[in-house]
């Protein structure tokens, strides 16, 4: 299962229902912080927890999972077909454009990021690995206790479980290509990938 696609669906349905994170979490017997991590594909919900969320959202699990196992041999996403969304709101103003959403079942998740100068969120971890390539602007990767200045053409590959963030420097917006790999684990596991998820 593709965790990113599932997370987008959960958030989209919640917003369509006019519900806040707090409302859904409370009704599902979960914490707001835990649900936020699910929507931001930082952890994989257990099947029972996902069932509770679906019940609150008045949507069936089959609807949430529909098409997630689809695996066409090739998909083309035109520049005007990108799906944009935000992650880690309201603390982050980074705009994410999905470059492979047309293939729901995938092991990599490529995104085009627009990182505004004023974005200064905290460092956060996630499951899996990450590749980052700076297309334009002057960027900085804060990784654990270290910082790495990156210029256009520079790239970095790293373990996502170490808290990290990408910020812009020198007063201009950055454009960055990011590829996430295996952020959600195997589809059959439905593993809760964070100790805080024990609250569920």
N, C-alpha and C. Protein backbone atom coordinates (compact mmCIF):
# COMPACT_ATOMS: atom_id res chain seq x y z
N UNK A 1 0.84 -1.20 0.00
CA UNK A 1 0.00 0.00 0.00
C UNK A 1 0.87 1.25 0.00
N UNK A 2 0.45 2.27 -0.68
CA UNK A 2 1.20 3.51 -0.69
C UNK A 2 0.71 4.42 0.42
N UNK A 3 1.57 4.65 1.41
CA UNK A 3 1.19 5.43 2.58
C UNK A 3 0.87 6.87 2.23
N UNK A 4 1.62 7.44 1.30
CA UNK A 4 1.39 8.83 0.93
C UNK A 4 0.00 9.01 0.33
N UNK A 5 -0.38 8.11 -0.57
CA UNK A 5 -1.70 8.21 -1.20
C UNK A 5 -2.81 8.03 -0.18
N UNK A 6 -2.63 7.07 0.73
CA UNK A 6 -3.63 6.84 1.78
C UNK A 6 -3.76 8.08 2.67
N UNK A 7 -2.63 8.67 3.04
CA UNK A 7 -2.65 9.87 3.88
C UNK A 7 -3.39 11.01 3.21
N UNK A 8 -3.15 11.19 1.90
CA UNK A 8 -3.83 12.25 1.16
C UNK A 8 -5.33 12.02 1.13
N UNK A 9 -5.72 10.76 0.97
CA UNK A 9 -7.15 10.45 0.94
C UNK A 9 -7.81 10.74 2.28
N UNK A 10 -7.17 10.35 3.36
CA UNK A 10 -7.74 10.60 4.69
C UNK A 10 -7.92 12.10 4.93
N UNK A 11 -6.90 12.88 4.58
CA UNK A 11 -6.99 14.32 4.79
C UNK A 11 -8.05 14.94 3.89
N UNK A 12 -8.11 14.49 2.63
CA UNK A 12 -9.09 15.03 1.69
C UNK A 12 -10.52 14.76 2.17
N UNK A 13 -10.78 13.53 2.63
CA UNK A 13 -12.12 13.19 3.11
C UNK A 13 -12.45 13.99 4.37
N UNK A 14 -11.48 14.14 5.26
CA UNK A 14 -11.72 14.90 6.49
C UNK A 14 -12.11 16.34 6.17
N UNK A 15 -11.38 16.95 5.24
CA UNK A 15 -11.68 18.34 4.86
C UNK A 15 -13.03 18.44 4.16
N UNK A 16 -13.36 17.44 3.34
CA UNK A 16 -14.66 17.43 2.67
C UNK A 16 -15.80 17.35 3.68
N UNK A 17 -15.56 16.66 4.79
CA UNK A 17 -16.56 16.53 5.85
C UNK A 17 -16.60 17.76 6.76
N UNK A 18 -15.65 18.68 6.57
CA UNK A 18 -15.62 19.88 7.39
C UNK A 18 -15.19 19.61 8.82
N UNK A 19 -14.36 18.59 9.02
CA UNK A 19 -13.93 18.20 10.35
C UNK A 19 -12.48 18.60 10.60
N UNK A 20 -12.16 18.94 11.83
CA UNK A 20 -10.79 19.27 12.20
C UNK A 20 -10.07 18.00 12.66
N UNK A 21 -8.76 18.08 12.73
CA UNK A 21 -7.98 16.96 13.26
C UNK A 21 -8.44 16.61 14.66
N UNK A 22 -8.66 17.62 15.47
CA UNK A 22 -9.08 17.42 16.86
C UNK A 22 -10.40 16.67 16.93
N UNK A 23 -11.35 17.05 16.10
CA UNK A 23 -12.67 16.40 16.11
C UNK A 23 -12.57 14.93 15.73
N UNK A 24 -11.85 14.64 14.67
CA UNK A 24 -11.73 13.25 14.22
C UNK A 24 -10.97 12.42 15.25
N UNK A 25 -9.88 12.96 15.75
CA UNK A 25 -9.07 12.22 16.73
C UNK A 25 -9.88 11.91 17.98
N UNK A 26 -10.61 12.91 18.48
CA UNK A 26 -11.40 12.71 19.70
C UNK A 26 -12.46 11.64 19.50
N UNK A 27 -13.18 11.73 18.39
CA UNK A 27 -14.25 10.76 18.13
C UNK A 27 -13.71 9.35 17.88
N UNK A 28 -12.50 9.27 17.37
CA UNK A 28 -11.90 7.96 17.08
C UNK A 28 -11.11 7.41 18.26
N UNK A 29 -11.02 8.20 19.33
CA UNK A 29 -10.28 7.75 20.51
C UNK A 29 -8.78 7.79 20.32
N UNK A 30 -8.31 8.72 19.49
CA UNK A 30 -6.89 8.87 19.20
C UNK A 30 -6.42 10.24 19.64
N UNK A 31 -5.12 10.48 19.57
CA UNK A 31 -4.61 11.81 19.88
C UNK A 31 -4.50 12.63 18.60
N UNK A 32 -4.61 13.95 18.73
CA UNK A 32 -4.50 14.82 17.56
C UNK A 32 -3.12 14.70 16.92
N UNK A 33 -2.07 14.64 17.76
CA UNK A 33 -0.72 14.54 17.24
C UNK A 33 -0.49 13.26 16.45
N UNK A 34 -1.07 12.17 16.93
CA UNK A 34 -0.94 10.88 16.24
C UNK A 34 -1.61 10.94 14.87
N UNK A 35 -2.84 11.49 14.84
CA UNK A 35 -3.58 11.59 13.58
C UNK A 35 -2.86 12.52 12.60
N UNK A 36 -2.27 13.58 13.11
CA UNK A 36 -1.53 14.50 12.25
C UNK A 36 -0.36 13.78 11.58
N UNK A 37 0.31 12.90 12.32
CA UNK A 37 1.43 12.16 11.75
C UNK A 37 0.95 11.19 10.67
N UNK A 38 -0.23 10.64 10.85
CA UNK A 38 -0.79 9.76 9.83
C UNK A 38 -1.05 10.55 8.55
N UNK A 39 -1.69 11.72 8.69
CA UNK A 39 -2.01 12.54 7.52
C UNK A 39 -0.76 13.08 6.83
N UNK A 40 0.33 13.18 7.57
CA UNK A 40 1.58 13.69 6.99
C UNK A 40 2.53 12.56 6.63
N UNK A 41 1.99 11.36 6.48
CA UNK A 41 2.70 10.12 6.16
C UNK A 41 4.00 9.96 6.93
N UNK A 42 3.91 10.21 8.25
CA UNK A 42 5.06 9.98 9.12
C UNK A 42 4.93 8.66 9.88
N UNK A 43 3.76 8.06 9.86
CA UNK A 43 3.59 6.74 10.44
C UNK A 43 2.43 6.03 9.76
N UNK A 44 2.45 4.71 9.84
CA UNK A 44 1.41 3.89 9.24
C UNK A 44 0.41 3.50 10.32
N UNK A 45 -0.87 3.78 10.13
CA UNK A 45 -1.86 3.41 11.14
C UNK A 45 -2.11 1.91 11.16
N UNK A 46 -2.38 1.37 12.34
CA UNK A 46 -2.79 -0.03 12.41
C UNK A 46 -4.16 -0.14 11.77
N UNK A 47 -4.53 -1.33 11.35
CA UNK A 47 -5.82 -1.52 10.71
C UNK A 47 -6.99 -1.17 11.65
N UNK A 48 -6.94 -1.57 12.94
CA UNK A 48 -8.02 -1.17 13.85
C UNK A 48 -8.15 0.34 13.99
N UNK A 49 -7.02 1.04 14.09
CA UNK A 49 -7.06 2.50 14.22
C UNK A 49 -7.62 3.13 12.95
N UNK A 50 -7.21 2.61 11.80
CA UNK A 50 -7.71 3.12 10.53
C UNK A 50 -9.21 2.90 10.41
N UNK A 51 -9.68 1.77 10.92
CA UNK A 51 -11.11 1.48 10.91
C UNK A 51 -11.88 2.50 11.73
N UNK A 52 -11.33 2.89 12.88
CA UNK A 52 -11.97 3.90 13.72
C UNK A 52 -12.04 5.25 13.01
N UNK A 53 -10.95 5.61 12.35
CA UNK A 53 -10.91 6.88 11.62
C UNK A 53 -11.94 6.87 10.49
N UNK A 54 -11.99 5.76 9.75
CA UNK A 54 -12.94 5.63 8.64
C UNK A 54 -14.37 5.75 9.13
N UNK A 55 -14.65 5.17 10.30
CA UNK A 55 -16.00 5.23 10.87
C UNK A 55 -16.39 6.67 11.17
N UNK A 56 -15.47 7.43 11.74
CA UNK A 56 -15.74 8.83 12.05
C UNK A 56 -15.96 9.63 10.77
N UNK A 57 -15.19 9.31 9.74
CA UNK A 57 -15.29 10.03 8.46
C UNK A 57 -16.45 9.54 7.60
N UNK A 58 -17.13 8.49 8.08
CA UNK A 58 -18.26 7.91 7.35
C UNK A 58 -17.84 7.48 5.96
N UNK A 59 -16.74 6.74 5.90
CA UNK A 59 -16.24 6.21 4.64
C UNK A 59 -15.79 4.77 4.91
N UNK A 60 -15.98 3.88 3.97
CA UNK A 60 -15.61 2.49 4.17
C UNK A 60 -14.12 2.28 3.91
N UNK A 61 -13.57 1.25 4.53
CA UNK A 61 -12.17 0.93 4.30
C UNK A 61 -11.93 0.57 2.83
N UNK A 62 -12.90 -0.08 2.22
CA UNK A 62 -12.75 -0.45 0.81
C UNK A 62 -12.61 0.79 -0.06
N UNK A 63 -13.33 1.86 0.29
CA UNK A 63 -13.21 3.12 -0.47
C UNK A 63 -11.84 3.73 -0.28
N UNK A 64 -11.34 3.67 0.96
CA UNK A 64 -10.02 4.25 1.24
C UNK A 64 -8.92 3.48 0.52
N UNK A 65 -9.09 2.15 0.40
CA UNK A 65 -8.07 1.32 -0.21
C UNK A 65 -8.22 1.18 -1.71
N UNK A 66 -9.33 1.64 -2.24
CA UNK A 66 -9.63 1.43 -3.67
C UNK A 66 -8.51 1.97 -4.57
N UNK A 67 -7.99 1.09 -5.40
CA UNK A 67 -6.97 1.49 -6.36
C UNK A 67 -5.56 1.56 -5.82
N UNK A 68 -5.38 1.40 -4.50
CA UNK A 68 -4.05 1.53 -3.93
C UNK A 68 -3.12 0.39 -4.35
N UNK A 69 -3.69 -0.69 -4.84
CA UNK A 69 -2.86 -1.80 -5.31
C UNK A 69 -2.61 -1.74 -6.81
N UNK A 70 -3.17 -0.70 -7.46
CA UNK A 70 -2.98 -0.57 -8.91
C UNK A 70 -1.49 -0.36 -9.22
N UNK A 71 -1.02 -1.04 -10.25
CA UNK A 71 0.40 -0.95 -10.58
C UNK A 71 0.63 -0.97 -12.09
N UNK A 72 0.22 0.10 -12.77
CA UNK A 72 0.47 0.16 -14.22
C UNK A 72 1.97 0.19 -14.48
N UNK A 73 2.37 -0.38 -15.61
CA UNK A 73 3.79 -0.45 -15.92
C UNK A 73 4.45 0.90 -16.07
N UNK A 74 3.69 1.87 -16.58
CA UNK A 74 4.24 3.21 -16.79
C UNK A 74 3.14 4.24 -16.64
N UNK A 75 3.45 5.33 -15.99
CA UNK A 75 2.50 6.45 -15.90
C UNK A 75 3.23 7.74 -16.27
N UNK A 76 2.53 8.63 -16.92
CA UNK A 76 3.07 9.93 -17.27
C UNK A 76 2.26 10.99 -16.53
N UNK A 77 2.93 11.85 -15.80
CA UNK A 77 2.27 12.95 -15.10
C UNK A 77 2.75 14.25 -15.75
N UNK A 78 1.86 14.89 -16.49
CA UNK A 78 2.21 16.15 -17.15
C UNK A 78 2.37 17.26 -16.12
N UNK A 79 3.06 18.31 -16.51
CA UNK A 79 3.34 19.40 -15.58
C UNK A 79 2.07 20.05 -15.04
N UNK A 80 0.98 19.99 -15.83
CA UNK A 80 -0.27 20.59 -15.37
C UNK A 80 -1.17 19.58 -14.66
N UNK A 81 -0.66 18.36 -14.44
CA UNK A 81 -1.43 17.32 -13.77
C UNK A 81 -0.92 17.02 -12.37
N UNK A 82 0.05 17.77 -11.92
CA UNK A 82 0.59 17.54 -10.58
C UNK A 82 -0.45 17.83 -9.51
N UNK A 83 -0.41 17.04 -8.46
CA UNK A 83 -1.32 17.24 -7.33
C UNK A 83 -0.54 17.94 -6.22
N UNK A 84 -0.99 19.14 -5.85
CA UNK A 84 -0.29 19.91 -4.82
C UNK A 84 -1.01 19.82 -3.49
N UNK A 85 -0.24 19.77 -2.42
CA UNK A 85 -0.81 19.80 -1.09
C UNK A 85 0.24 20.27 -0.10
N UNK A 86 -0.18 20.46 1.12
CA UNK A 86 0.72 20.92 2.18
C UNK A 86 0.93 19.79 3.18
N UNK A 87 2.06 19.82 3.85
CA UNK A 87 2.40 18.83 4.87
C UNK A 87 2.83 19.57 6.12
N UNK A 88 2.47 19.04 7.28
CA UNK A 88 2.85 19.63 8.57
C UNK A 88 2.32 21.04 8.75
N UNK A 89 1.07 21.28 8.29
CA UNK A 89 0.45 22.57 8.55
C UNK A 89 0.07 22.66 10.03
N UNK A 90 0.03 23.85 10.62
CA UNK A 90 0.31 25.15 10.00
C UNK A 90 1.76 25.59 10.14
N UNK A 91 2.62 24.75 10.76
CA UNK A 91 3.99 25.19 11.01
C UNK A 91 4.83 25.27 9.74
N UNK A 92 4.48 24.50 8.72
CA UNK A 92 5.26 24.51 7.48
C UNK A 92 4.45 25.10 6.33
N UNK A 93 5.11 25.95 5.55
CA UNK A 93 4.47 26.56 4.38
C UNK A 93 5.01 25.96 3.08
N UNK A 94 5.75 24.87 3.18
CA UNK A 94 6.30 24.22 1.99
C UNK A 94 5.16 23.65 1.14
N UNK A 95 5.24 23.86 -0.17
CA UNK A 95 4.25 23.33 -1.10
C UNK A 95 4.82 22.07 -1.77
N UNK A 96 4.08 20.98 -1.69
CA UNK A 96 4.50 19.71 -2.27
C UNK A 96 3.70 19.43 -3.53
N UNK A 97 4.37 19.10 -4.62
CA UNK A 97 3.69 18.70 -5.85
C UNK A 97 4.08 17.26 -6.13
N UNK A 98 3.10 16.36 -6.06
CA UNK A 98 3.36 14.94 -6.31
C UNK A 98 3.64 14.71 -7.79
N UNK A 99 4.72 13.99 -8.08
CA UNK A 99 5.12 13.75 -9.46
C UNK A 99 4.80 12.33 -9.93
N UNK A 100 4.19 11.51 -9.06
CA UNK A 100 3.91 10.13 -9.44
C UNK A 100 2.58 9.63 -8.90
N UNK A 101 1.65 10.53 -8.62
CA UNK A 101 0.38 10.15 -8.01
C UNK A 101 -0.46 9.25 -8.90
N UNK A 102 -0.18 9.23 -10.20
CA UNK A 102 -0.97 8.41 -11.12
C UNK A 102 -0.70 6.91 -10.95
N UNK A 103 0.33 6.58 -10.21
CA UNK A 103 0.60 5.18 -9.90
C UNK A 103 0.44 5.00 -8.39
N UNK A 104 -0.75 4.61 -7.93
CA UNK A 104 -1.02 4.51 -6.49
C UNK A 104 -0.08 3.56 -5.75
N UNK A 105 0.21 2.40 -6.33
CA UNK A 105 1.11 1.46 -5.67
C UNK A 105 2.52 1.71 -6.17
N UNK A 106 3.36 2.27 -5.30
CA UNK A 106 4.72 2.61 -5.69
C UNK A 106 5.63 2.53 -4.46
N UNK A 107 6.89 2.28 -4.68
CA UNK A 107 7.83 2.19 -3.56
C UNK A 107 8.60 3.49 -3.37
N UNK A 108 8.52 4.39 -4.35
CA UNK A 108 9.15 5.70 -4.23
C UNK A 108 8.09 6.79 -4.36
N UNK A 109 8.33 7.92 -3.71
CA UNK A 109 7.42 9.06 -3.80
C UNK A 109 8.20 10.31 -4.16
N UNK A 110 8.23 10.70 -5.44
CA UNK A 110 8.93 11.92 -5.84
C UNK A 110 8.03 13.16 -5.73
N UNK A 111 8.59 14.22 -5.22
CA UNK A 111 7.86 15.47 -5.07
C UNK A 111 8.73 16.65 -5.52
N UNK A 112 8.08 17.67 -6.04
CA UNK A 112 8.73 18.94 -6.30
C UNK A 112 8.34 19.86 -5.17
N UNK A 113 9.32 20.35 -4.41
CA UNK A 113 9.05 21.19 -3.26
C UNK A 113 9.35 22.65 -3.55
N UNK A 114 8.44 23.52 -3.15
CA UNK A 114 8.68 24.96 -3.17
C UNK A 114 8.83 25.37 -1.70
N UNK A 115 10.04 25.74 -1.32
CA UNK A 115 10.33 26.05 0.08
C UNK A 115 10.46 27.56 0.25
N UNK A 116 9.48 28.20 0.92
CA UNK A 116 9.54 29.65 1.11
C UNK A 116 10.61 30.04 2.13
N UNK A 117 11.06 31.25 2.01
CA UNK A 117 12.13 31.74 2.89
C UNK A 117 11.69 31.73 4.35
N UNK A 118 10.41 32.06 4.62
CA UNK A 118 9.97 32.22 6.00
C UNK A 118 9.68 30.90 6.71
N UNK A 119 9.79 29.78 5.98
CA UNK A 119 9.49 28.49 6.59
C UNK A 119 10.61 28.12 7.56
N UNK A 120 10.27 27.86 8.82
CA UNK A 120 11.28 27.56 9.83
C UNK A 120 10.72 26.55 10.83
N UNK A 121 10.22 25.43 10.31
CA UNK A 121 9.62 24.43 11.17
C UNK A 121 10.69 23.62 11.90
N UNK A 122 10.26 22.83 12.87
CA UNK A 122 11.19 22.00 13.62
C UNK A 122 11.63 20.80 12.79
N UNK A 123 12.73 20.20 13.19
CA UNK A 123 13.22 19.01 12.53
C UNK A 123 12.33 17.83 12.91
N UNK A 124 11.95 17.02 11.93
CA UNK A 124 11.08 15.87 12.18
C UNK A 124 11.62 14.64 11.45
N UNK A 125 11.38 13.46 12.01
CA UNK A 125 11.80 12.22 11.35
C UNK A 125 10.64 11.56 10.61
N UNK A 126 10.94 10.58 9.80
CA UNK A 126 9.92 9.73 9.20
C UNK A 126 10.59 8.41 8.84
N UNK A 127 9.78 7.40 8.59
CA UNK A 127 10.31 6.10 8.21
C UNK A 127 10.95 6.17 6.82
N UNK A 128 11.83 5.23 6.54
CA UNK A 128 12.38 5.09 5.20
C UNK A 128 13.58 5.98 4.90
N UNK A 129 13.85 6.14 3.61
CA UNK A 129 15.00 6.90 3.15
C UNK A 129 14.54 8.07 2.30
N UNK A 130 15.44 9.03 2.10
CA UNK A 130 15.07 10.23 1.34
C UNK A 130 16.25 10.68 0.47
N UNK A 131 15.91 11.11 -0.75
CA UNK A 131 16.88 11.69 -1.66
C UNK A 131 16.46 13.12 -1.95
N UNK A 132 17.40 14.03 -1.94
CA UNK A 132 17.09 15.45 -2.13
C UNK A 132 18.05 16.04 -3.17
N UNK A 133 17.49 16.79 -4.13
CA UNK A 133 18.29 17.43 -5.18
C UNK A 133 17.84 18.88 -5.32
N UNK A 134 18.76 19.81 -5.17
CA UNK A 134 18.41 21.24 -5.23
C UNK A 134 18.36 21.69 -6.69
N UNK A 135 17.20 22.18 -7.11
CA UNK A 135 17.02 22.66 -8.47
C UNK A 135 17.36 24.14 -8.59
N UNK A 136 16.92 24.93 -7.60
CA UNK A 136 17.21 26.37 -7.63
C UNK A 136 17.19 26.92 -6.21
N UNK A 137 17.89 28.03 -6.02
CA UNK A 137 17.96 28.65 -4.71
C UNK A 137 19.06 28.06 -3.85
N UNK A 138 19.29 28.68 -2.70
CA UNK A 138 20.30 28.24 -1.76
C UNK A 138 19.60 27.55 -0.60
N UNK A 139 19.85 26.27 -0.42
CA UNK A 139 19.15 25.50 0.61
C UNK A 139 20.11 25.08 1.72
N UNK A 140 19.51 24.66 2.83
CA UNK A 140 20.30 24.10 3.93
C UNK A 140 19.55 22.89 4.49
N UNK A 141 20.24 21.80 4.62
CA UNK A 141 19.66 20.62 5.24
C UNK A 141 20.17 20.52 6.67
N UNK A 142 19.26 20.64 7.62
CA UNK A 142 19.59 20.42 9.03
C UNK A 142 19.28 18.95 9.31
N UNK A 143 20.31 18.18 9.64
CA UNK A 143 20.19 16.73 9.80
C UNK A 143 20.79 16.32 11.13
N UNK A 144 19.94 15.94 12.06
CA UNK A 144 20.45 15.65 13.39
C UNK A 144 21.06 16.90 13.98
N UNK A 145 22.29 16.82 14.41
CA UNK A 145 22.99 17.98 14.98
C UNK A 145 23.84 18.71 13.96
N UNK A 146 23.80 18.28 12.71
CA UNK A 146 24.63 18.89 11.67
C UNK A 146 23.80 19.69 10.66
N UNK A 147 24.46 20.62 9.99
CA UNK A 147 23.83 21.40 8.93
C UNK A 147 24.70 21.33 7.69
N UNK A 148 24.04 21.24 6.52
CA UNK A 148 24.77 21.14 5.25
C UNK A 148 24.21 22.16 4.27
N UNK A 149 25.04 23.09 3.82
CA UNK A 149 24.61 24.08 2.85
C UNK A 149 24.62 23.44 1.47
N UNK A 150 23.52 23.66 0.75
CA UNK A 150 23.35 23.03 -0.57
C UNK A 150 23.06 24.08 -1.63
N UNK A 151 23.70 23.94 -2.77
CA UNK A 151 23.52 24.85 -3.89
C UNK A 151 22.86 24.11 -5.05
N UNK A 152 22.36 24.83 -6.06
CA UNK A 152 21.75 24.15 -7.21
C UNK A 152 22.68 23.09 -7.79
N UNK A 153 22.14 21.91 -8.00
CA UNK A 153 22.94 20.80 -8.51
C UNK A 153 23.45 19.87 -7.43
N UNK A 154 23.42 20.31 -6.17
CA UNK A 154 23.86 19.46 -5.07
C UNK A 154 22.75 18.48 -4.70
N UNK A 155 23.16 17.30 -4.25
CA UNK A 155 22.18 16.30 -3.83
C UNK A 155 22.65 15.62 -2.56
N UNK A 156 21.71 14.98 -1.87
CA UNK A 156 22.03 14.27 -0.64
C UNK A 156 21.04 13.12 -0.47
N UNK A 157 21.53 12.01 0.04
CA UNK A 157 20.71 10.81 0.28
C UNK A 157 20.88 10.46 1.75
N UNK A 158 19.78 10.24 2.46
CA UNK A 158 19.92 10.03 3.91
C UNK A 158 18.80 9.19 4.51
N UNK A 159 19.05 8.77 5.72
CA UNK A 159 18.10 8.00 6.51
C UNK A 159 17.06 8.94 7.09
N UNK A 160 15.78 8.71 6.74
CA UNK A 160 14.73 9.62 7.17
C UNK A 160 14.41 9.56 8.65
N UNK A 161 14.88 8.54 9.36
CA UNK A 161 14.54 8.40 10.76
C UNK A 161 15.32 9.35 11.65
N UNK A 162 16.33 10.01 11.10
CA UNK A 162 17.04 11.06 11.83
C UNK A 162 16.28 12.36 11.63
N UNK A 163 15.92 13.08 12.72
CA UNK A 163 15.17 14.35 12.57
C UNK A 163 15.89 15.29 11.60
N UNK A 164 15.12 15.89 10.68
CA UNK A 164 15.73 16.75 9.67
C UNK A 164 14.72 17.76 9.15
N UNK A 165 15.24 18.74 8.43
CA UNK A 165 14.41 19.74 7.76
C UNK A 165 15.23 20.40 6.66
N UNK A 166 14.53 20.93 5.67
CA UNK A 166 15.17 21.70 4.60
C UNK A 166 14.67 23.12 4.72
N UNK A 167 15.59 24.08 4.75
CA UNK A 167 15.22 25.49 4.81
C UNK A 167 15.99 26.25 3.74
N UNK A 168 15.50 27.42 3.40
CA UNK A 168 16.17 28.27 2.41
C UNK A 168 17.06 29.28 3.12
N UNK A 169 18.08 29.66 2.44
CA UNK A 169 18.99 30.69 2.96
C UNK A 169 19.20 31.75 1.89
N UNK A 170 19.77 32.84 2.26
CA UNK A 170 20.07 33.94 1.33
C UNK A 170 18.84 34.61 0.76
N UNK A 171 17.70 34.50 1.44
CA UNK A 171 16.52 35.29 1.10
C UNK A 171 15.81 34.99 -0.19
N UNK A 172 15.89 33.78 -0.70
CA UNK A 172 15.14 33.45 -1.91
C UNK A 172 14.51 32.07 -1.78
N UNK A 173 13.36 31.90 -2.43
CA UNK A 173 12.67 30.62 -2.39
C UNK A 173 13.52 29.52 -3.03
N UNK A 174 13.44 28.32 -2.49
CA UNK A 174 14.16 27.18 -3.04
C UNK A 174 13.20 26.25 -3.77
N UNK A 175 13.69 25.62 -4.81
CA UNK A 175 12.94 24.58 -5.49
C UNK A 175 13.78 23.31 -5.38
N UNK A 176 13.17 22.28 -4.79
CA UNK A 176 13.92 21.07 -4.47
C UNK A 176 13.15 19.84 -4.93
N UNK A 177 13.86 18.90 -5.55
CA UNK A 177 13.29 17.61 -5.89
C UNK A 177 13.57 16.67 -4.72
N UNK A 178 12.53 16.04 -4.19
CA UNK A 178 12.68 15.11 -3.08
C UNK A 178 12.05 13.79 -3.46
N UNK A 179 12.74 12.70 -3.15
CA UNK A 179 12.19 11.37 -3.38
C UNK A 179 12.21 10.61 -2.05
N UNK A 180 11.03 10.21 -1.60
CA UNK A 180 10.91 9.39 -0.40
C UNK A 180 10.87 7.93 -0.83
N UNK A 181 11.51 7.07 -0.05
CA UNK A 181 11.46 5.64 -0.36
C UNK A 181 11.03 4.85 0.87
N UNK A 182 9.99 4.04 0.68
CA UNK A 182 9.53 3.11 1.71
C UNK A 182 9.19 3.80 3.02
N UNK A 183 8.44 4.90 2.95
CA UNK A 183 8.07 5.60 4.19
C UNK A 183 7.00 4.87 4.97
N UNK A 184 6.30 3.93 4.31
CA UNK A 184 5.21 3.27 5.01
C UNK A 184 5.37 1.81 5.27
N UNK A 185 6.46 1.18 4.83
CA UNK A 185 6.62 -0.24 5.06
C UNK A 185 5.74 -1.05 4.12
N UNK A 186 5.61 -2.33 4.41
CA UNK A 186 4.86 -3.24 3.55
C UNK A 186 3.36 -3.11 3.78
N UNK A 187 2.60 -3.31 2.74
CA UNK A 187 1.15 -3.16 2.80
C UNK A 187 0.52 -4.13 3.77
N UNK A 188 1.05 -5.34 3.86
CA UNK A 188 0.42 -6.37 4.68
C UNK A 188 0.66 -6.17 6.17
N UNK A 189 1.61 -5.32 6.53
CA UNK A 189 1.97 -5.18 7.92
C UNK A 189 1.01 -4.30 8.71
N UNK A 190 0.61 -3.17 8.13
CA UNK A 190 -0.19 -2.18 8.84
C UNK A 190 0.47 -1.85 10.19
N UNK A 191 1.77 -1.69 10.15
CA UNK A 191 2.52 -1.47 11.39
C UNK A 191 2.41 -0.02 11.82
N UNK A 192 2.21 0.20 13.11
CA UNK A 192 2.27 1.54 13.65
C UNK A 192 3.73 1.88 13.80
N UNK A 193 4.20 2.86 13.05
CA UNK A 193 5.64 3.07 12.91
C UNK A 193 6.19 4.16 13.83
N UNK A 194 5.59 4.36 14.96
CA UNK A 194 6.05 5.38 15.88
C UNK A 194 5.62 5.01 17.28
N UNK A 195 6.49 5.21 18.27
CA UNK A 195 6.14 4.82 19.64
C UNK A 195 4.92 5.55 20.15
N UNK A 196 4.74 6.80 19.70
CA UNK A 196 3.58 7.57 20.15
C UNK A 196 2.28 6.96 19.66
N UNK A 197 2.37 6.13 18.63
CA UNK A 197 1.15 5.54 18.08
C UNK A 197 0.54 4.53 19.03
N UNK A 198 1.26 4.17 20.11
CA UNK A 198 0.69 3.26 21.08
C UNK A 198 -0.55 3.85 21.73
N UNK A 199 -0.70 5.17 21.62
CA UNK A 199 -1.90 5.82 22.16
C UNK A 199 -3.14 5.30 21.47
N UNK A 200 -2.97 4.81 20.23
CA UNK A 200 -4.12 4.34 19.45
C UNK A 200 -4.63 3.02 19.99
